[in-house]
Amino acid sequence: RAHRRLLRRLEGPRRPAHNMIGAEFGSGFEGRANRPGEPFDVTRTHPERKYLGHRVPGWVKPDSLFFITVCAATRIGQPLLTADRGPHLLDSVKHLHDSGAWYARLFVIMPDHVHGIVAFPPDTTVTKRISSWKGYTAKALGIEWQDRFFDHRIRFSESLQEKCSYIRMNPVRAGLVTRAEDWSFVFDPSVEPGSAGTPRPTYISPSAT
């Protein structure tokens, strides 16, 4: 129960879900690295509300997606996969996605860092939401994260398909698996239904991007 309460506090304000792209996104929304010691956003509690995982919220526009990288404080060993941390990290990603606290187009957990392609609703910022997620996972799973994280807004001129393929191939380049679809620590709601942590095919339909 305490775990679920923390997850609900992590979500932030409730917002309606929509199945259309092109609604106005909040102005002045630019990513930046979080500052050390910045408090995370777990100040509100709300009843849980679900929407279909494949549905794209109306506030997601093509230029509102960010390429996110968050690294563990130590890069030695597998700090994000020990003690069943990998599945729990994916559960937290899926929970925020299902609740509408963010839109996770793709999220891959590596042994010592994570990559994600994520959009954030207009009532929050990249820094607040990522800091909130880091704070929750640090408290719930005992993960020590680096103080800062990397974020890059994906522009119109960049290929979302290429970014997704690059992230999916990360475990292969690292020598962890021979095929991207064999890596289990992936959240990709656009490909197939199922629980977080189950293997996903490498192919990403262009219609989903």
Protein backbone atom coordinates (compact mmCIF):
# COMPACT_ATOMS: atom_id res chain seq x y z
CA ARG A 1 0.00 0.00 0.00
CA ALA A 2 2.83 2.39 0.84
CA HIS A 3 4.38 1.63 -2.57
CA ARG A 4 1.10 2.42 -4.35
CA ARG A 5 0.62 5.62 -2.36
CA LEU A 6 4.07 6.80 -3.40
CA LEU A 7 3.27 6.05 -7.03
CA ARG A 8 0.02 8.02 -6.85
CA ARG A 9 1.79 10.99 -5.28
CA LEU A 10 4.35 10.81 -8.05
CA GLU A 11 1.74 11.28 -10.79
CA GLY A 12 1.08 14.97 -10.17
CA PRO A 13 -2.18 16.74 -11.13
CA ARG A 14 -4.93 14.86 -12.97
CA ARG A 15 -5.60 15.77 -16.57
CA PRO A 16 -8.01 14.54 -19.26
CA ALA A 17 -6.78 12.09 -21.87
CA HIS A 18 -7.40 12.63 -25.57
CA ASN A 19 -6.92 10.59 -28.68
CA MET A 20 -5.70 13.30 -31.01
CA ILE A 21 -2.44 15.00 -31.83
CA GLY A 22 -2.08 18.71 -32.42
CA ALA A 23 -3.73 20.29 -29.37
CA GLU A 24 -1.91 23.28 -27.98
CA PHE A 25 1.12 22.51 -25.82
CA GLY A 26 2.06 24.89 -23.04
CA SER A 27 4.37 27.70 -24.12
CA GLY A 28 7.77 28.36 -22.61
CA PHE A 29 8.39 24.63 -22.12
CA GLU A 30 12.11 23.95 -22.51
CA GLY A 31 14.18 21.12 -21.05
CA ARG A 32 17.21 21.58 -18.79
CA ALA A 33 19.26 19.44 -16.41
CA ASN A 34 17.93 19.23 -12.88
CA ARG A 35 19.86 20.96 -10.14
CA PRO A 36 21.33 18.99 -7.23
CA GLY A 37 19.03 19.06 -4.23
CA GLU A 38 16.01 20.26 -6.17
CA PRO A 39 12.89 18.90 -4.42
CA PHE A 40 10.84 16.36 -6.30
CA ASP A 41 7.18 16.82 -7.04
CA VAL A 42 5.28 14.48 -4.71
CA THR A 43 3.05 17.02 -2.99
CA ARG A 44 -0.39 16.01 -4.25
CA THR A 45 -2.54 12.92 -4.03
CA HIS A 46 -5.21 12.04 -6.59
CA PRO A 47 -7.53 9.13 -7.33
CA GLU A 48 -6.09 6.77 -9.90
CA ARG A 49 -7.43 7.10 -13.44
CA LYS A 50 -6.51 4.88 -16.35
CA TYR A 51 -6.61 5.40 -20.07
CA LEU A 52 -5.69 3.05 -22.89
CA GLY A 53 -1.92 2.71 -23.15
CA HIS A 54 -1.85 3.13 -26.93
CA ARG A 55 -3.83 6.36 -26.86
CA VAL A 56 -1.81 9.51 -27.51
CA PRO A 57 -2.82 12.47 -25.30
CA GLY A 58 -3.83 15.65 -27.07
CA TRP A 59 -0.94 17.62 -25.60
CA VAL A 60 1.63 15.44 -27.42
CA LYS A 61 2.83 17.18 -30.58
CA PRO A 62 5.65 16.05 -32.86
CA ASP A 63 8.08 18.57 -31.38
CA SER A 64 7.15 17.93 -27.73
CA LEU A 65 9.07 14.66 -27.36
CA PHE A 66 12.37 14.59 -25.48
CA PHE A 67 15.25 12.13 -25.68
CA ILE A 68 16.08 11.50 -22.01
CA THR A 69 19.13 9.81 -20.49
CA VAL A 70 19.45 9.27 -16.72
CA CYS A 71 22.53 7.54 -15.28
CA ALA A 72 23.12 5.73 -12.02
CA ALA A 73 25.67 7.31 -9.68
CA THR A 74 27.92 4.30 -10.14
CA ARG A 75 28.59 2.88 -13.60
CA ILE A 76 30.16 -0.29 -12.15
CA GLY A 77 28.18 -3.53 -12.34
CA GLN A 78 24.42 -3.48 -12.92
CA PRO A 79 23.00 -1.04 -10.33
CA LEU A 80 19.65 -0.69 -12.15
CA LEU A 81 19.04 -4.42 -12.66
CA THR A 82 20.07 -5.94 -9.32
CA ALA A 83 17.45 -6.84 -6.71
CA ASP A 84 14.70 -6.89 -9.36
CA ARG A 85 15.06 -3.14 -9.88
CA GLY A 86 14.60 -3.41 -13.66
CA PRO A 87 10.96 -4.63 -13.58
CA HIS A 88 10.10 -2.18 -10.81
CA LEU A 89 11.58 0.72 -12.80
CA LEU A 90 9.47 -0.31 -15.78
CA ASP A 91 6.40 -0.53 -13.56
CA SER A 92 6.96 3.07 -12.45
CA VAL A 93 7.37 4.20 -16.08
CA LYS A 94 4.19 2.39 -17.08
CA HIS A 95 2.29 3.80 -14.10
CA LEU A 96 3.14 7.40 -15.03
CA HIS A 97 2.28 6.68 -18.65
CA ASP A 98 -1.09 5.10 -17.80
CA SER A 99 -1.97 7.91 -15.39
CA GLY A 100 -1.16 10.63 -17.94
CA ALA A 101 1.66 12.11 -15.85
CA TRP A 102 3.88 11.69 -18.90
CA TYR A 103 3.71 10.07 -22.32
CA ALA A 104 6.47 7.46 -22.69
CA ARG A 105 6.91 6.71 -26.38
CA LEU A 106 9.79 4.36 -25.52
CA PHE A 107 11.79 3.55 -22.40
CA VAL A 108 14.75 1.16 -22.14
CA ILE A 109 16.48 0.20 -18.89
CA MET A 110 20.19 -0.52 -19.26
CA PRO A 111 22.39 -1.92 -16.46
CA ASP A 112 23.62 1.52 -15.35
CA HIS A 113 21.46 4.07 -17.19
CA VAL A 114 18.08 4.54 -18.84
CA HIS A 115 17.05 6.00 -22.18
CA GLY A 116 13.57 7.31 -22.87
CA ILE A 117 11.60 9.23 -25.45
CA VAL A 118 9.06 11.09 -23.38
CA ALA A 119 6.61 14.00 -23.62
CA PHE A 120 5.38 15.96 -20.62
CA PRO A 121 1.99 17.65 -20.07
CA PRO A 122 1.81 21.45 -19.94
CA ASP A 123 1.26 21.60 -16.17
CA THR A 124 4.77 20.31 -15.45
CA THR A 125 8.31 20.49 -16.86
CA VAL A 126 11.01 18.05 -17.84
CA THR A 127 12.97 18.87 -14.69
CA LYS A 128 10.06 18.51 -12.28
CA ARG A 129 8.81 15.22 -13.67
CA ILE A 130 12.21 13.54 -14.06
CA SER A 131 13.29 14.79 -10.62
CA SER A 132 10.05 13.43 -9.19
CA TRP A 133 10.63 10.03 -10.83
CA LYS A 134 14.25 9.92 -9.67
CA GLY A 135 13.21 10.84 -6.15
CA TYR A 136 10.54 8.17 -6.02
CA THR A 137 12.75 5.40 -7.41
CA ALA A 138 15.61 6.41 -5.12
CA LYS A 139 13.33 6.10 -2.11
CA ALA A 140 11.40 3.01 -3.18
CA LEU A 141 14.21 1.01 -4.81
CA GLY A 142 17.34 2.37 -3.15
CA ILE A 143 18.80 3.63 -6.44
CA GLU A 144 21.49 6.30 -6.36
CA TRP A 145 21.21 8.50 -9.43
CA GLN A 146 23.61 11.08 -10.80
CA ASP A 147 22.51 14.58 -9.83
CA ARG A 148 21.97 15.66 -13.41
CA PHE A 149 20.38 14.10 -16.45
CA PHE A 150 20.58 14.68 -20.20
CA ASP A 151 17.61 15.83 -22.25
CA HIS A 152 17.32 16.76 -25.91
CA ARG A 153 14.16 17.95 -27.61
CA ILE A 154 13.48 15.96 -30.78
CA ARG A 155 12.92 18.50 -33.54
CA PHE A 156 10.88 18.24 -36.72
CA SER A 157 14.06 17.75 -38.74
CA GLU A 158 15.07 14.68 -36.72
CA SER A 159 13.76 11.17 -37.29
CA LEU A 160 11.81 9.74 -34.40
CA GLN A 161 12.09 6.32 -36.01
CA GLU A 162 15.89 6.56 -35.98
CA LYS A 163 15.92 7.66 -32.34
CA CYS A 164 13.71 4.73 -31.33
CA SER A 165 15.86 2.28 -33.29
CA TYR A 166 19.02 3.70 -31.71
CA ILE A 167 17.63 3.20 -28.21
CA ARG A 168 16.33 -0.29 -28.96
CA MET A 169 19.75 -1.36 -30.29
CA ASN A 170 21.58 -0.14 -27.19
CA PRO A 171 21.61 -3.57 -25.48
CA VAL A 172 22.97 -5.14 -28.68
CA ARG A 173 25.78 -2.58 -28.98
CA ALA A 174 26.64 -3.21 -25.33
CA GLY A 175 26.96 -6.94 -25.98
CA LEU A 176 24.12 -7.84 -23.60
CA VAL A 177 22.00 -9.62 -26.24
CA THR A 178 22.40 -10.54 -29.89
CA ARG A 179 18.93 -9.29 -30.90
CA ALA A 180 17.16 -6.19 -29.64
CA GLU A 181 13.91 -8.12 -29.12
CA ASP A 182 15.66 -10.38 -26.59
CA TRP A 183 16.17 -7.49 -24.15
CA SER A 184 13.30 -7.58 -21.66
CA PHE A 185 13.69 -4.23 -19.92
CA VAL A 186 11.67 -2.22 -22.43
CA PHE A 187 8.45 -0.22 -22.19
CA ASP A 188 6.95 0.46 -25.60
CA PRO A 189 3.15 0.92 -25.56
CA SER A 190 2.91 1.45 -29.32
CA VAL A 191 3.97 -2.05 -30.34
CA GLU A 192 1.89 -4.55 -28.42
CA PRO A 193 -0.18 -4.77 -25.26
CA GLY A 194 1.25 -6.50 -22.21
CA SER A 195 2.85 -5.89 -18.87
CA ALA A 196 6.01 -3.87 -18.46
CA GLY A 197 9.21 -5.84 -18.79
CA THR A 198 8.04 -8.30 -21.46
CA PRO A 199 10.10 -8.53 -24.66
CA ARG A 200 8.93 -6.28 -27.50
CA PRO A 201 9.64 -6.68 -31.22
CA THR A 202 12.31 -4.38 -32.59
CA TYR A 203 10.05 -3.21 -35.41
CA ILE A 204 8.23 0.05 -34.63
CA SER A 205 5.34 0.82 -36.92
CA PRO A 206 5.68 4.21 -38.69
CA SER A 207 1.99 4.80 -37.97
CA ALA A 208 2.81 4.74 -34.25
CA THR A 209 5.33 7.54 -34.58
